[in-house]
């Protein structure tokens, strides 16, 4: 039923007709508002302090990797592509970071957003740079909307509880100490927490 059909209904009292039109108009406005809200939410950036959206993606060996499986670790989540020159320039310093801090509880997950047409270029890219950290493949854009990606490279530093602590747009030199403040702080806090838990477990009960 449309507003025009309500107006042309012959036996409907004027008061009922007005009420029906008002209710229909309110319904249309509510629907329009919900559509606008959903569209704006789709483009709302992921902000620091919020839970990092979970996902499951295959690695280069088709093994499924789930982000939430790394709770208790500091996760360095990087989005990249083989055709991205800044990504290629950034990757060697990420490898240095990984080799230096993996033993301290740092996990690097590098998600390739290469689509199906360029997926074949991923293994040669990884081999050419001698990368040893996990490479995940998102050929269908599963993470694009969840992380509101603006481009590549983008990096998300996620703490031991799965909360986003830093978002970096563009490449960085990860061998520079001033670029590692959040990472080192989180790793130190995790080490202190582990020591406290260990000493508490070893303490004699009275």
C-alpha atoms as a PDB file:
ATOM      1  CA  UNK A   1       0.000   0.000   0.000  1.00  0.00           C
ATOM      2  CA  UNK A   2       1.316   3.421  -0.979  1.00  0.00           C
ATOM      3  CA  UNK A   3       0.612   6.863   0.481  1.00  0.00           C
ATOM      4  CA  UNK A   4      -1.391   7.730  -2.674  1.00  0.00           C
ATOM      5  CA  UNK A   5      -3.581   4.620  -2.370  1.00  0.00           C
ATOM      6  CA  UNK A   6      -4.354   5.487   1.257  1.00  0.00           C
ATOM      7  CA  UNK A   7      -5.446   8.976   0.224  1.00  0.00           C
ATOM      8  CA  UNK A   8      -7.769   7.514  -2.431  1.00  0.00           C
ATOM      9  CA  UNK A   9      -9.381   4.915  -0.147  1.00  0.00           C
ATOM     10  CA  UNK A  10     -13.088   5.969  -0.192  1.00  0.00           C
ATOM     11  CA  UNK A  11     -14.412   4.552   3.097  1.00  0.00           C
ATOM     12  CA  UNK A  12     -11.482   5.347   5.377  1.00  0.00           C
ATOM     13  CA  UNK A  13     -12.187   8.123   7.939  1.00  0.00           C
ATOM     14  CA  UNK A  14      -9.962  11.203   7.534  1.00  0.00           C
ATOM     15  CA  UNK A  15      -8.325  10.743  10.981  1.00  0.00           C
ATOM     16  CA  UNK A  16      -7.457   7.094  10.262  1.00  0.00           C
ATOM     17  CA  UNK A  17      -6.218   8.046   6.823  1.00  0.00           C
ATOM     18  CA  UNK A  18      -3.869  10.700   8.282  1.00  0.00           C
ATOM     19  CA  UNK A  19      -2.603   8.298  10.945  1.00  0.00           C
ATOM     20  CA  UNK A  20      -1.904   5.608   8.344  1.00  0.00           C
ATOM     21  CA  UNK A  21      -0.006   8.093   6.159  1.00  0.00           C
ATOM     22  CA  UNK A  22       2.058   9.297   9.146  1.00  0.00           C
ATOM     23  CA  UNK A  23       2.941   5.719  10.127  1.00  0.00           C
ATOM     24  CA  UNK A  24       3.907   4.844   6.570  1.00  0.00           C
ATOM     25  CA  UNK A  25       6.066   7.963   6.295  1.00  0.00           C
ATOM     26  CA  UNK A  26       7.765   7.099   9.612  1.00  0.00           C
ATOM     27  CA  UNK A  27       8.457   3.597   8.346  1.00  0.00           C
ATOM     28  CA  UNK A  28      10.007   4.935   5.133  1.00  0.00           C
ATOM     29  CA  UNK A  29      12.204   7.349   7.107  1.00  0.00           C
ATOM     30  CA  UNK A  30      13.324   4.567   9.467  1.00  0.00           C
ATOM     31  CA  UNK A  31      14.236   2.368   6.499  1.00  0.00           C
ATOM     32  CA  UNK A  32      16.187   5.175   4.840  1.00  0.00           C
ATOM     33  CA  UNK A  33      18.035   5.921   8.093  1.00  0.00           C
ATOM     34  CA  UNK A  34      19.006   2.266   8.563  1.00  0.00           C
ATOM     35  CA  UNK A  35      20.355   2.073   4.998  1.00  0.00           C
ATOM     36  CA  UNK A  36      22.437   5.238   5.491  1.00  0.00           C
ATOM     37  CA  UNK A  37      23.706   3.974   8.872  1.00  0.00           C
ATOM     38  CA  UNK A  38      24.738   0.622   7.412  1.00  0.00           C
ATOM     39  CA  UNK A  39      26.572   2.323   4.554  1.00  0.00           C
ATOM     40  CA  UNK A  40      28.414   4.697   6.908  1.00  0.00           C
ATOM     41  CA  UNK A  41      29.343   1.817   9.248  1.00  0.00           C
ATOM     42  CA  UNK A  42      30.884   0.010   6.269  1.00  0.00           C
ATOM     43  CA  UNK A  43      33.352   2.879   5.782  1.00  0.00           C
ATOM     44  CA  UNK A  44      33.909   3.709   9.454  1.00  0.00           C
ATOM     45  CA  UNK A  45      37.612   3.137  10.188  1.00  0.00           C
ATOM     46  CA  UNK A  46      38.751   0.512  12.666  1.00  0.00           C
ATOM     47  CA  UNK A  47      39.947   2.477  15.691  1.00  0.00           C
ATOM     48  CA  UNK A  48      42.625   1.821  18.285  1.00  0.00           C
ATOM     49  CA  UNK A  49      41.231   0.273  21.466  1.00  0.00           C
ATOM     50  CA  UNK A  50      38.679  -1.915  19.681  1.00  0.00           C
ATOM     51  CA  UNK A  51      38.838  -5.677  19.304  1.00  0.00           C
ATOM     52  CA  UNK A  52      40.626  -6.651  16.103  1.00  0.00           C
ATOM     53  CA  UNK A  53      38.180  -8.457  13.767  1.00  0.00           C
ATOM     54  CA  UNK A  54      38.835 -12.179  13.644  1.00  0.00           C
ATOM     55  CA  UNK A  55      39.398 -14.046  10.375  1.00  0.00           C
ATOM     56  CA  UNK A  56      40.568 -17.377   8.989  1.00  0.00           C
ATOM     57  CA  UNK A  57      42.791 -17.485   5.907  1.00  0.00           C
ATOM     58  CA  UNK A  58      44.978 -20.090   4.205  1.00  0.00           C
ATOM     59  CA  UNK A  59      48.763 -19.849   4.218  1.00  0.00           C
ATOM     60  CA  UNK A  60      51.031 -20.781   1.317  1.00  0.00           C
ATOM     61  CA  UNK A  61      50.613 -24.467   2.209  1.00  0.00           C
ATOM     62  CA  UNK A  62      46.782 -24.179   2.295  1.00  0.00           C
ATOM     63  CA  UNK A  63      46.808 -24.546   6.078  1.00  0.00           C
ATOM     64  CA  UNK A  64      44.015 -22.546   7.709  1.00  0.00           C
ATOM     65  CA  UNK A  65      45.284 -19.828  10.063  1.00  0.00           C
ATOM     66  CA  UNK A  66      42.945 -18.061  12.494  1.00  0.00           C
ATOM     67  CA  UNK A  67      43.863 -14.716  14.053  1.00  0.00           C
ATOM     68  CA  UNK A  68      42.288 -15.542  17.433  1.00  0.00           C
ATOM     69  CA  UNK A  69      44.532 -18.615  17.755  1.00  0.00           C
ATOM     70  CA  UNK A  70      47.351 -16.204  18.599  1.00  0.00           C
ATOM     71  CA  UNK A  71      45.813 -14.787  21.777  1.00  0.00           C
ATOM     72  CA  UNK A  72      48.572 -14.353  24.326  1.00  0.00           C
ATOM     73  CA  UNK A  73      50.957 -13.147  21.593  1.00  0.00           C
ATOM     74  CA  UNK A  74      51.626  -9.714  20.154  1.00  0.00           C
ATOM     75  CA  UNK A  75      50.439  -9.851  16.549  1.00  0.00           C
ATOM     76  CA  UNK A  76      51.960  -7.714  13.805  1.00  0.00           C
ATOM     77  CA  UNK A  77      49.259  -7.898  11.129  1.00  0.00           C
ATOM     78  CA  UNK A  78      50.424  -6.548   7.786  1.00  0.00           C
ATOM     79  CA  UNK A  79      48.432  -6.186   4.547  1.00  0.00           C
ATOM     80  CA  UNK A  80      50.434  -6.140   1.322  1.00  0.00           C
ATOM     81  CA  UNK A  81      50.483  -7.103  -2.363  1.00  0.00           C
ATOM     82  CA  UNK A  82      53.104  -8.294  -4.830  1.00  0.00           C
ATOM     83  CA  UNK A  83      52.495  -5.298  -7.120  1.00  0.00           C
ATOM     84  CA  UNK A  84      53.067  -2.829  -4.255  1.00  0.00           C
ATOM     85  CA  UNK A  85      56.562  -1.287  -4.434  1.00  0.00           C
ATOM     86  CA  UNK A  86      56.473   0.182  -0.868  1.00  0.00           C
ATOM     87  CA  UNK A  87      55.516  -3.300   0.395  1.00  0.00           C
ATOM     88  CA  UNK A  88      58.609  -4.786  -1.235  1.00  0.00           C
ATOM     89  CA  UNK A  89      60.734  -2.063   0.348  1.00  0.00           C
ATOM     90  CA  UNK A  90      59.199  -2.644   3.799  1.00  0.00           C
ATOM     91  CA  UNK A  91      59.344  -6.450   3.892  1.00  0.00           C
ATOM     92  CA  UNK A  92      63.092  -6.906   4.603  1.00  0.00           C
ATOM     93  CA  UNK A  93      62.841  -4.823   7.791  1.00  0.00           C
ATOM     94  CA  UNK A  94      59.794  -6.900   8.813  1.00  0.00           C
ATOM     95  CA  UNK A  95      61.931 -10.020   8.434  1.00  0.00           C
ATOM     96  CA  UNK A  96      64.590  -8.495  10.708  1.00  0.00           C
ATOM     97  CA  UNK A  97      61.868  -7.634  13.232  1.00  0.00           C
ATOM     98  CA  UNK A  98      60.497 -11.171  13.121  1.00  0.00           C
ATOM     99  CA  UNK A  99      63.880 -12.847  13.614  1.00  0.00           C
ATOM    100  CA  UNK A 100      64.725 -10.590  16.552  1.00  0.00           C
ATOM    101  CA  UNK A 101      61.443 -10.721  18.449  1.00  0.00           C
ATOM    102  CA  UNK A 102      59.775 -14.033  17.580  1.00  0.00           C
ATOM    103  CA  UNK A 103      61.320 -15.638  20.670  1.00  0.00           C
ATOM    104  CA  UNK A 104      59.817 -12.857  22.812  1.00  0.00           C
ATOM    105  CA  UNK A 105      56.261 -13.575  21.680  1.00  0.00           C
ATOM    106  CA  UNK A 106      55.884 -11.568  18.466  1.00  0.00           C
ATOM    107  CA  UNK A 107      53.867 -13.074  15.614  1.00  0.00           C
ATOM    108  CA  UNK A 108      53.914 -11.574  12.131  1.00  0.00           C
ATOM    109  CA  UNK A 109      50.985 -12.385   9.847  1.00  0.00           C
ATOM    110  CA  UNK A 110      51.433 -10.897   6.374  1.00  0.00           C
ATOM    111  CA  UNK A 111      48.149 -10.992   4.460  1.00  0.00           C
ATOM    112  CA  UNK A 112      48.455 -10.751   0.684  1.00  0.00           C
ATOM    113  CA  UNK A 113      45.492  -9.033  -0.931  1.00  0.00           C
ATOM    114  CA  UNK A 114      46.564 -10.234  -4.383  1.00  0.00           C
ATOM    115  CA  UNK A 115      43.485 -11.354  -6.272  1.00  0.00           C
ATOM    116  CA  UNK A 116      43.221 -14.598  -8.188  1.00  0.00           C
ATOM    117  CA  UNK A 117      44.932 -13.138 -11.261  1.00  0.00           C
ATOM    118  CA  UNK A 118      48.131 -12.267  -9.359  1.00  0.00           C
ATOM    119  CA  UNK A 119      48.058 -15.038  -6.737  1.00  0.00           C
ATOM    120  CA  UNK A 120      50.691 -16.970  -8.713  1.00  0.00           C
ATOM    121  CA  UNK A 121      53.189 -14.148  -8.048  1.00  0.00           C
ATOM    122  CA  UNK A 122      53.151 -14.616  -4.260  1.00  0.00           C
ATOM    123  CA  UNK A 123      55.577 -17.592  -3.861  1.00  0.00           C
ATOM    124  CA  UNK A 124      58.273 -16.031  -6.127  1.00  0.00           C
ATOM    125  CA  UNK A 125      57.909 -12.729  -4.244  1.00  0.00           C
ATOM    126  CA  UNK A 126      58.358 -14.434  -0.863  1.00  0.00           C
ATOM    127  CA  UNK A 127      61.306 -16.480  -2.102  1.00  0.00           C
ATOM    128  CA  UNK A 128      63.074 -13.472  -3.622  1.00  0.00           C
ATOM    129  CA  UNK A 129      63.085 -11.692  -0.237  1.00  0.00           C
ATOM    130  CA  UNK A 130      63.813 -14.828   1.860  1.00  0.00           C
ATOM    131  CA  UNK A 131      60.794 -14.197   4.078  1.00  0.00           C
ATOM    132  CA  UNK A 132      60.245 -16.696   6.906  1.00  0.00           C
ATOM    133  CA  UNK A 133      57.201 -15.242   8.682  1.00  0.00           C
ATOM    134  CA  UNK A 134      53.710 -16.614   7.862  1.00  0.00           C
ATOM    135  CA  UNK A 135      52.183 -15.423   4.590  1.00  0.00           C
ATOM    136  CA  UNK A 136      48.390 -15.578   4.354  1.00  0.00           C
ATOM    137  CA  UNK A 137      46.336 -15.297   1.175  1.00  0.00           C
ATOM    138  CA  UNK A 138      43.116 -13.289   0.874  1.00  0.00           C
ATOM    139  CA  UNK A 139      42.300 -13.529  -2.831  1.00  0.00           C
ATOM    140  CA  UNK A 140      38.592 -12.843  -2.290  1.00  0.00           C
ATOM    141  CA  UNK A 141      38.906  -9.756  -0.101  1.00  0.00           C
ATOM    142  CA  UNK A 142      37.583 -11.301   3.101  1.00  0.00           C
ATOM    143  CA  UNK A 143      39.554  -8.883   5.282  1.00  0.00           C
ATOM    144  CA  UNK A 144      39.067  -5.734   3.171  1.00  0.00           C
ATOM    145  CA  UNK A 145      35.770  -4.687   4.756  1.00  0.00           C
ATOM    146  CA  UNK A 146      36.578  -6.004   8.221  1.00  0.00           C
ATOM    147  CA  UNK A 147      39.693  -3.855   8.460  1.00  0.00           C
ATOM    148  CA  UNK A 148      38.388  -0.987   6.279  1.00  0.00           C
ATOM    149  CA  UNK A 149      41.566  -1.110   4.201  1.00  0.00           C
ATOM    150  CA  UNK A 150      42.513   2.120   2.460  1.00  0.00           C
ATOM    151  CA  UNK A 151      45.409   0.598   0.539  1.00  0.00           C
ATOM    152  CA  UNK A 152      48.695  -1.237   1.071  1.00  0.00           C
ATOM    153  CA  UNK A 153      50.830  -1.524   3.003  1.00  0.00           C
ATOM    154  CA  UNK A 154      48.847  -1.192   6.223  1.00  0.00           C
ATOM    155  CA  UNK A 155      49.923  -2.626   9.573  1.00  0.00           C
ATOM    156  CA  UNK A 156      47.915  -3.344  12.714  1.00  0.00           C
ATOM    157  CA  UNK A 157      49.618  -4.003  16.057  1.00  0.00           C
ATOM    158  CA  UNK A 158      47.367  -6.236  18.181  1.00  0.00           C
ATOM    159  CA  UNK A 159      47.992  -6.960  21.848  1.00  0.00           C
ATOM    160  CA  UNK A 160      47.831 -10.238  23.778  1.00  0.00           C
ATOM    161  CA  UNK A 161      44.079  -9.801  24.396  1.00  0.00           C
ATOM    162  CA  UNK A 162      43.272  -9.252  20.715  1.00  0.00           C
ATOM    163  CA  UNK A 163      42.855  -5.464  21.018  1.00  0.00           C
ATOM    164  CA  UNK A 164      44.170  -3.109  18.333  1.00  0.00           C
ATOM    165  CA  UNK A 165      46.918  -0.911  19.819  1.00  0.00           C
ATOM    166  CA  UNK A 166      48.361   0.817  16.756  1.00  0.00           C
ATOM    167  CA  UNK A 167      47.383   1.293  13.122  1.00  0.00           C
ATOM    168  CA  UNK A 168      50.032   2.291  10.591  1.00  0.00           C
ATOM    169  CA  UNK A 169      49.197   3.512   7.092  1.00  0.00           C
ATOM    170  CA  UNK A 170      52.068   3.161   4.644  1.00  0.00           C
ATOM    171  CA  UNK A 171      55.513   1.573   4.964  1.00  0.00           C
ATOM    172  CA  UNK A 172      57.956   1.849   7.852  1.00  0.00           C
ATOM    173  CA  UNK A 173      61.531   0.868   8.472  1.00  0.00           C
ATOM    174  CA  UNK A 174      61.023  -1.699  11.230  1.00  0.00           C
ATOM    175  CA  UNK A 175      64.706  -1.709  12.151  1.00  0.00           C
ATOM    176  CA  UNK A 176      64.322   1.797  13.640  1.00  0.00           C
ATOM    177  CA  UNK A 177      63.714   1.783  17.397  1.00  0.00           C
ATOM    178  CA  UNK A 178      61.377   4.795  17.250  1.00  0.00           C
ATOM    179  CA  UNK A 179      59.032   2.763  15.033  1.00  0.00           C
ATOM    180  CA  UNK A 180      58.926  -0.106  17.536  1.00  0.00           C
ATOM    181  CA  UNK A 181      57.716   1.619  20.692  1.00  0.00           C
ATOM    182  CA  UNK A 182      54.283  -0.024  20.857  1.00  0.00           C
ATOM    183  CA  UNK A 183      55.658  -3.455  19.896  1.00  0.00           C
ATOM    184  CA  UNK A 184      58.413  -3.415  22.518  1.00  0.00           C
ATOM    185  CA  UNK A 185      56.077  -2.044  25.210  1.00  0.00           C
ATOM    186  CA  UNK A 186      53.562  -4.824  24.601  1.00  0.00           C
ATOM    187  CA  UNK A 187      56.255  -7.510  24.582  1.00  0.00           C
ATOM    188  CA  UNK A 188      57.697  -6.181  27.859  1.00  0.00           C
ATOM    189  CA  UNK A 189      54.286  -6.066  29.536  1.00  0.00           C
ATOM    190  CA  UNK A 190      53.639  -9.615  28.376  1.00  0.00           C
ATOM    191  CA  UNK A 191      56.970 -10.793  29.785  1.00  0.00           C
ATOM    192  CA  UNK A 192      56.251  -9.117  33.146  1.00  0.00           C
ATOM    193  CA  UNK A 193      52.797 -10.687  33.265  1.00  0.00           C
ATOM    194  CA  UNK A 194      54.262 -14.128  32.537  1.00  0.00           C
ATOM    195  CA  UNK A 195      56.877 -13.666  35.274  1.00  0.00           C
ATOM    196  CA  UNK A 196      54.188 -12.607  37.761  1.00  0.00           C
ATOM    197  CA  UNK A 197      52.084 -15.636  36.910  1.00  0.00           C
ATOM    198  CA  UNK A 198      55.120 -17.894  37.235  1.00  0.00           C
ATOM    199  CA  UNK A 199      56.162 -16.483  40.622  1.00  0.00           C
ATOM    200  CA  UNK A 200      52.597 -16.716  41.867  1.00  0.00           C
ATOM    201  CA  UNK A 201      52.391 -20.360  40.854  1.00  0.00           C
ATOM    202  CA  UNK A 202      55.704 -21.149  42.574  1.00  0.00           C
ATOM    203  CA  UNK A 203      54.878 -19.309  45.805  1.00  0.00           C
ATOM    204  CA  UNK A 204      54.207 -21.582  48.796  1.00  0.00           C
ATOM    205  CA  UNK A 205      50.632 -21.747  49.990  1.00  0.00           C
ATOM    206  CA  UNK A 206      50.028 -20.787  53.609  1.00  0.00           C
END
